[in-house]
Amino acid sequence: MNKQSKIYVAGHRGLVGSAIVRHLDQAGFSNLVTRTSAELDLRDQNAVRDFFSIEKPDFVFLAAAKVGGIMANNTYPADFLYDNLAIQNNVIHQSYLNGVKKLLFLGSSCIYPKLAPQPIREDYLLTDLLESTNEPYAIAKIAGIKLCQAYNRQYGTQYISLMPTNLYGPNDNFDLQKSHVLPALIRKFHEARENGAETVEIWGTGSPLREFLHVDDLADASLFMMENYNGNDFFNVGVGKDISIKDLALLIRDIVDFRGELVFDISKPDGTPRKLLDVSKLTEIGWQAKIGLREGISATYEWYLGQLKPVSVL
């Protein structure tokens, strides 16, 4: 990519897409193309065809997807499968038809078997059953990887795929009913401190181990791979180490400066005991995560505070 290349970022308002736009801006790429979902429905084949035929982007970052938590995945499995397949199929196919030089597809670590050995290597894909609650989303993401690889083999395209671990950072979802564990804990500890609460409830025993990657690191990896890799493999993106939910909660409590106690509700499920990605393939190519967990959570908390509306005083 050069600084004048026309670059389309699909999903530019989301957690990942907004981080990619920030990094492209910071790196001096000025010819960016974006569309909101209201302006361009990526599920609409004709609309995507018209967009690509008019804009003719040189490079595409495909970060658009229908996403949600366990409840949403269980309630709307057809939507999660259809919408994500449609988005991927339309963007990837039109990229091919309109001569896009390179495309980067962003997936998810949920593509791997529920009981995959730890840490999870890329070659564990399709070796066992998926986690049932997010199977439709995972199947769509697997199809996206395979579609990129198939176009590369058949048409000589350069479409690459990255599979990130659990993400967090600016533009995350802090809704307590829909968010993931890290942003939920930030909000719970902040509100507990503000309200003078003595305890904060944590689901489960606190023993499960999870890996967390700041979204700015994923954006950095995305630009790195777009400029430095041309093969047909897909890559895990993570930090290569994990932390227990209990230790994560203690870290966030310290950052938010909540002085109360943690209460673990062991009637709630723990989920998978461990989920850690093997990131050695990406490390060998020359990329590693740079943002430490404390640093990343502190920055995310500052961003969250900046989004809170000030209370007017009469």
Protein backbone atom coordinates (compact mmCIF):
# COMPACT_ATOMS: atom_id res chain seq x y z
CA MET A 1 0.00 0.00 0.00
CA ASN A 2 1.16 3.53 -0.67
CA LYS A 3 -0.20 6.66 0.99
CA GLN A 4 -2.48 7.43 -1.96
CA SER A 5 -3.95 3.94 -2.30
CA LYS A 6 -7.74 3.85 -2.09
CA ILE A 7 -8.52 1.73 0.98
CA TYR A 8 -12.00 0.52 1.90
CA VAL A 9 -12.59 -0.31 5.58
CA ALA A 10 -15.82 -2.29 5.93
CA GLY A 11 -17.25 -1.94 9.42
CA HIS A 12 -15.41 1.29 10.23
CA ARG A 13 -17.65 2.19 13.18
CA GLY A 14 -17.10 -1.04 15.09
CA LEU A 15 -14.45 -1.92 17.66
CA VAL A 16 -12.03 -3.36 15.08
CA GLY A 17 -12.85 -1.22 12.05
CA SER A 18 -12.53 2.05 13.97
CA ALA A 19 -9.10 0.97 15.25
CA ILE A 20 -7.96 0.15 11.71
CA VAL A 21 -9.13 3.57 10.51
CA ARG A 22 -7.21 5.25 13.37
CA HIS A 23 -4.02 3.41 12.47
CA LEU A 24 -4.35 4.11 8.76
CA ASP A 25 -4.86 7.81 9.54
CA GLN A 26 -1.84 7.85 11.87
CA ALA A 27 0.29 6.13 9.22
CA GLY A 28 -0.58 8.79 6.65
CA PHE A 29 -3.04 6.88 4.46
CA SER A 30 -5.41 9.62 3.39
CA ASN A 31 -7.58 8.00 0.69
CA LEU A 32 -9.95 6.01 2.89
CA VAL A 33 -13.43 4.92 1.83
CA THR A 34 -16.08 4.12 4.44
CA ARG A 35 -19.83 3.57 4.49
CA THR A 36 -22.23 3.18 7.39
CA SER A 37 -24.62 0.23 7.33
CA ALA A 38 -27.42 2.70 6.57
CA GLU A 39 -25.51 3.95 3.53
CA LEU A 40 -24.46 0.49 2.30
CA ASP A 41 -26.11 -2.79 3.34
CA LEU A 42 -23.32 -5.30 2.78
CA ARG A 43 -25.90 -8.11 2.71
CA ASP A 44 -27.37 -6.61 -0.46
CA GLN A 45 -25.58 -8.12 -3.45
CA ASN A 46 -26.64 -5.41 -5.89
CA ALA A 47 -25.72 -2.58 -3.52
CA VAL A 48 -22.25 -4.03 -2.92
CA ARG A 49 -21.76 -4.58 -6.65
CA ASP A 50 -22.65 -0.95 -7.37
CA PHE A 51 -20.40 0.34 -4.58
CA PHE A 52 -17.35 -1.56 -5.81
CA SER A 53 -17.93 -0.70 -9.47
CA ILE A 54 -18.05 3.01 -8.59
CA GLU A 55 -15.36 3.26 -5.89
CA LYS A 56 -12.85 0.67 -7.21
CA PRO A 57 -10.82 0.35 -3.97
CA ASP A 58 -7.24 -0.88 -4.19
CA PHE A 59 -7.25 -2.56 -0.76
CA VAL A 60 -10.01 -3.85 1.52
CA PHE A 61 -10.10 -4.46 5.27
CA LEU A 62 -13.17 -6.62 5.95
CA ALA A 63 -14.05 -5.91 9.59
CA ALA A 64 -17.84 -5.79 9.13
CA ALA A 65 -19.87 -8.54 10.78
CA LYS A 66 -23.02 -9.25 12.75
CA VAL A 67 -21.77 -9.87 16.28
CA GLY A 68 -23.28 -10.52 19.69
CA GLY A 69 -23.06 -12.47 22.91
CA ILE A 70 -24.36 -15.89 23.87
CA MET A 71 -27.98 -14.76 24.20
CA ALA A 72 -28.02 -13.09 20.78
CA ASN A 73 -26.33 -16.07 19.14
CA ASN A 74 -28.84 -18.47 20.68
CA THR A 75 -31.85 -16.31 19.84
CA TYR A 76 -30.96 -15.43 16.24
CA PRO A 77 -28.83 -18.29 14.82
CA ALA A 78 -30.23 -17.92 11.30
CA ASP A 79 -29.45 -14.20 11.26
CA PHE A 80 -25.89 -14.74 12.47
CA LEU A 81 -25.24 -17.38 9.81
CA TYR A 82 -27.01 -15.70 6.89
CA ASP A 83 -25.93 -12.12 7.53
CA ASN A 84 -22.26 -12.95 8.00
CA LEU A 85 -22.15 -15.28 5.01
CA ALA A 86 -23.83 -12.64 2.86
CA ILE A 87 -21.47 -9.86 3.99
CA GLN A 88 -18.37 -11.97 3.36
CA ASN A 89 -19.53 -13.44 0.05
CA ASN A 90 -20.50 -10.05 -1.38
CA VAL A 91 -17.37 -8.17 -0.32
CA ILE A 92 -14.90 -10.92 -1.25
CA HIS A 93 -16.52 -11.67 -4.62
CA GLN A 94 -16.82 -8.02 -5.62
CA SER A 95 -13.22 -7.45 -4.56
CA TYR A 96 -12.23 -10.14 -7.06
CA LEU A 97 -14.46 -8.82 -9.84
CA ASN A 98 -13.18 -5.27 -9.39
CA GLY A 99 -9.47 -5.98 -9.20
CA VAL A 100 -8.80 -5.32 -5.51
CA LYS A 101 -5.07 -5.83 -5.01
CA LYS A 102 -5.33 -7.27 -1.51
CA LEU A 103 -8.01 -8.02 1.07
CA LEU A 104 -7.73 -8.76 4.77
CA PHE A 105 -10.55 -10.78 6.38
CA LEU A 106 -10.99 -10.63 10.15
CA GLY A 107 -12.42 -13.68 11.87
CA SER A 108 -12.57 -14.87 15.46
CA SER A 109 -11.01 -17.43 17.76
CA CYS A 110 -14.46 -19.04 18.10
CA ILE A 111 -13.70 -20.89 14.84
CA TYR A 112 -11.79 -23.52 16.82
CA PRO A 113 -13.22 -26.66 18.45
CA LYS A 114 -14.76 -26.21 21.89
CA LEU A 115 -12.31 -28.70 23.41
CA ALA A 116 -9.23 -27.81 21.35
CA PRO A 117 -5.84 -28.49 23.01
CA GLN A 118 -4.23 -25.42 24.59
CA PRO A 119 -2.68 -23.22 23.34
CA ILE A 120 -4.75 -23.36 20.16
CA ARG A 121 -2.81 -23.69 16.91
CA GLU A 122 -4.16 -22.79 13.48
CA ASP A 123 -4.07 -26.43 12.36
CA TYR A 124 -6.66 -27.36 14.99
CA LEU A 125 -9.34 -25.87 12.73
CA LEU A 126 -12.06 -28.41 11.81
CA THR A 127 -10.62 -31.16 14.01
CA ASP A 128 -13.60 -31.41 16.41
CA LEU A 129 -17.01 -29.99 17.34
CA LEU A 130 -17.59 -26.26 17.77
CA GLU A 131 -19.07 -24.57 20.84
CA SER A 132 -22.81 -24.95 20.19
CA THR A 133 -23.86 -21.49 21.40
CA ASN A 134 -21.90 -19.63 18.71
CA GLU A 135 -21.77 -22.32 16.03
CA PRO A 136 -23.58 -20.27 13.33
CA TYR A 137 -21.18 -17.33 13.73
CA ALA A 138 -18.17 -19.67 13.80
CA ILE A 139 -19.30 -21.52 10.67
CA ALA A 140 -19.64 -18.21 8.83
CA LYS A 141 -16.13 -17.17 9.86
CA ILE A 142 -14.69 -20.54 8.83
CA ALA A 143 -16.41 -20.11 5.46
CA GLY A 144 -14.77 -16.68 5.16
CA ILE A 145 -11.30 -18.15 5.69
CA LYS A 146 -11.95 -20.90 3.17
CA LEU A 147 -13.42 -18.47 0.65
CA CYS A 148 -10.31 -16.30 0.78
CA GLN A 149 -8.09 -19.34 0.34
CA ALA A 150 -10.23 -20.67 -2.52
CA TYR A 151 -10.09 -17.37 -4.44
CA ASN A 152 -6.33 -17.28 -3.93
CA ARG A 153 -5.93 -20.77 -5.37
CA GLN A 154 -8.38 -20.40 -8.25
CA TYR A 155 -7.89 -16.77 -9.23
CA GLY A 156 -4.44 -15.85 -7.90
CA THR A 157 -5.80 -13.20 -5.53
CA GLN A 158 -4.07 -12.05 -2.35
CA TYR A 159 -6.71 -12.41 0.37
CA ILE A 160 -5.46 -13.06 3.90
CA SER A 161 -7.21 -13.84 7.20
CA LEU A 162 -6.49 -13.03 10.84
CA MET A 163 -8.15 -14.71 13.84
CA PRO A 164 -7.93 -12.47 16.93
CA THR A 165 -8.40 -13.54 20.55
CA ASN A 166 -10.68 -11.64 22.98
CA LEU A 167 -10.53 -7.94 22.10
CA TYR A 168 -11.05 -4.77 24.10
CA GLY A 169 -10.41 -1.05 23.74
CA PRO A 170 -12.06 2.19 22.50
CA ASN A 171 -15.54 1.75 21.00
CA ASP A 172 -16.09 -1.49 22.93
CA ASN A 173 -19.58 -2.43 24.11
CA PHE A 174 -20.11 -1.62 27.80
CA ASP A 175 -23.75 -2.75 27.96
CA LEU A 176 -23.93 -5.09 30.97
CA GLN A 177 -26.44 -7.34 29.20
CA LYS A 178 -24.50 -7.68 25.95
CA SER A 179 -20.82 -6.92 26.61
CA HIS A 180 -17.91 -9.28 27.14
CA VAL A 181 -16.23 -9.76 30.50
CA LEU A 182 -13.53 -7.07 30.41
CA PRO A 183 -15.68 -4.03 29.49
CA ALA A 184 -18.44 -5.34 31.78
CA LEU A 185 -16.02 -5.42 34.71
CA ILE A 186 -14.80 -1.89 33.97
CA ARG A 187 -18.35 -0.60 34.10
CA LYS A 188 -19.33 -2.66 37.18
CA PHE A 189 -16.32 -1.48 39.21
CA HIS A 190 -16.75 2.13 38.11
CA GLU A 191 -20.44 2.20 39.00
CA ALA A 192 -19.77 0.43 42.30
CA ARG A 193 -17.18 3.07 43.19
CA GLU A 194 -19.45 5.93 42.17
CA ASN A 195 -22.39 4.49 44.14
CA GLY A 196 -20.35 3.67 47.24
CA ALA A 197 -21.04 -0.07 46.98
CA GLU A 198 -19.08 -2.42 49.20
CA THR A 199 -18.98 -5.40 46.81
CA VAL A 200 -18.95 -6.29 43.13
CA GLU A 201 -20.36 -9.62 41.94
CA ILE A 202 -18.32 -11.74 39.54
CA TRP A 203 -19.91 -14.65 37.70
CA GLY A 204 -18.45 -18.09 38.39
CA THR A 205 -15.43 -19.10 40.42
CA GLY A 206 -12.95 -16.71 38.82
CA SER A 207 -10.71 -19.60 37.80
CA PRO A 208 -11.15 -19.67 33.98
CA LEU A 209 -8.17 -18.37 32.02
CA ARG A 210 -8.64 -15.92 29.17
CA GLU A 211 -6.39 -14.01 26.77
CA PHE A 212 -7.01 -10.32 25.99
CA LEU A 213 -5.68 -8.28 23.07
CA HIS A 214 -6.02 -4.50 22.80
CA VAL A 215 -7.78 -3.64 19.56
CA ASP A 216 -5.01 -1.18 18.62
CA ASP A 217 -2.60 -4.11 18.59
CA LEU A 218 -4.94 -5.97 16.23
CA ALA A 219 -5.08 -2.92 13.97
CA ASP A 220 -1.28 -2.78 14.01
CA ALA A 221 -1.11 -6.49 13.11
CA SER A 222 -3.62 -5.95 10.32
CA LEU A 223 -1.54 -3.21 8.69
CA PHE A 224 1.64 -5.23 9.19
CA MET A 225 0.18 -8.30 7.48
CA MET A 226 -1.38 -6.29 4.68
CA GLU A 227 2.05 -4.89 3.85
CA ASN A 228 4.25 -7.91 4.59
CA TYR A 229 2.45 -11.20 3.91
CA ASN A 230 1.31 -12.68 0.61
CA GLY A 231 0.77 -16.39 1.32
CA ASN A 232 -2.36 -18.50 1.74
CA ASP A 233 -2.21 -19.27 5.47
CA PHE A 234 -4.40 -17.69 8.14
CA PHE A 235 -2.98 -16.46 11.44
CA ASN A 236 -3.93 -16.26 15.10
CA VAL A 237 -3.49 -12.82 16.67
CA GLY A 238 -3.04 -12.58 20.43
CA VAL A 239 -0.58 -11.84 23.20
CA GLY A 240 0.44 -15.45 23.87
CA LYS A 241 -0.44 -15.43 27.57
CA ASP A 242 -3.60 -15.51 29.62
CA ILE A 243 -4.96 -14.39 32.98
CA SER A 244 -7.60 -15.79 35.33
CA ILE A 245 -10.91 -13.97 35.56
CA LYS A 246 -10.21 -13.40 39.27
CA ASP A 247 -6.84 -11.78 38.58
CA LEU A 248 -8.38 -9.73 35.76
CA ALA A 249 -11.05 -8.49 38.16
CA LEU A 250 -8.43 -7.59 40.78
CA LEU A 251 -6.44 -5.69 38.15
CA ILE A 252 -9.49 -3.72 36.99
CA ARG A 253 -10.49 -3.04 40.60
CA ASP A 254 -7.07 -1.51 41.16
CA ILE A 255 -7.17 0.58 37.97
CA VAL A 256 -10.66 1.90 38.72
CA ASP A 257 -9.69 2.43 42.38
CA PHE A 258 -12.63 0.54 43.83
CA ARG A 259 -11.91 -0.31 47.47
CA GLY A 260 -14.63 -2.92 48.06
CA GLU A 261 -14.61 -6.71 47.88
CA LEU A 262 -15.20 -9.24 45.10
CA VAL A 263 -18.06 -11.70 45.52
CA PHE A 264 -17.99 -14.76 43.27
CA ASP A 265 -21.39 -16.21 42.32
CA ILE A 266 -20.49 -19.87 41.85
CA SER A 267 -24.05 -20.67 40.76
CA LYS A 268 -23.19 -18.97 37.45
CA PRO A 269 -21.26 -20.88 34.75
CA ASP A 270 -17.50 -20.61 34.31
CA GLY A 271 -17.50 -21.53 30.64
CA THR A 272 -14.45 -23.08 28.99
CA PRO A 273 -11.63 -23.52 31.54
CA ARG A 274 -8.99 -22.05 29.22
CA LYS A 275 -8.84 -20.37 25.83
CA LEU A 276 -5.36 -19.35 24.69
CA LEU A 277 -4.12 -18.90 21.14
CA ASP A 278 -0.75 -20.11 19.91
CA VAL A 279 0.67 -17.02 18.17
CA SER A 280 4.04 -18.47 17.17
CA LYS A 281 3.27 -18.36 13.41
CA LEU A 282 2.70 -14.62 13.53
CA THR A 283 5.69 -14.07 15.80
CA GLU A 284 7.92 -15.88 13.30
CA ILE A 285 6.84 -13.47 10.56
CA GLY A 286 7.88 -10.56 12.73
CA TRP A 287 4.87 -9.18 14.61
CA GLN A 288 4.18 -9.17 18.37
CA ALA A 289 1.64 -7.41 20.57
CA LYS A 290 3.00 -4.30 22.26
CA ILE A 291 0.29 -3.06 24.63
CA GLY A 292 0.46 -4.52 28.15
CA LEU A 293 -2.78 -5.47 29.87
CA ARG A 294 -2.59 -2.84 32.63
CA GLU A 295 -1.67 -0.14 30.11
CA GLY A 296 -4.46 -1.18 27.77
CA ILE A 297 -7.15 -1.40 30.44
CA SER A 298 -6.11 1.98 31.88
CA ALA A 299 -6.42 3.61 28.45
CA THR A 300 -9.76 1.90 27.85
CA TYR A 301 -11.07 3.09 31.20
CA GLU A 302 -10.04 6.65 30.35
CA TRP A 303 -11.88 6.33 27.04
CA TYR A 304 -14.96 4.98 28.86
CA LEU A 305 -14.92 7.92 31.27
CA GLY A 306 -14.81 10.27 28.33
CA GLN A 307 -18.02 8.75 26.94
CA LEU A 308 -20.04 9.30 30.10
CA LYS A 309 -22.39 12.22 29.84
CA PRO A 310 -21.77 14.83 32.56
CA VAL A 311 -24.64 15.31 34.95
CA SER A 312 -25.97 18.87 34.74
CA VAL A 313 -26.23 20.73 38.01
CA LEU A 314 -29.27 23.01 38.37
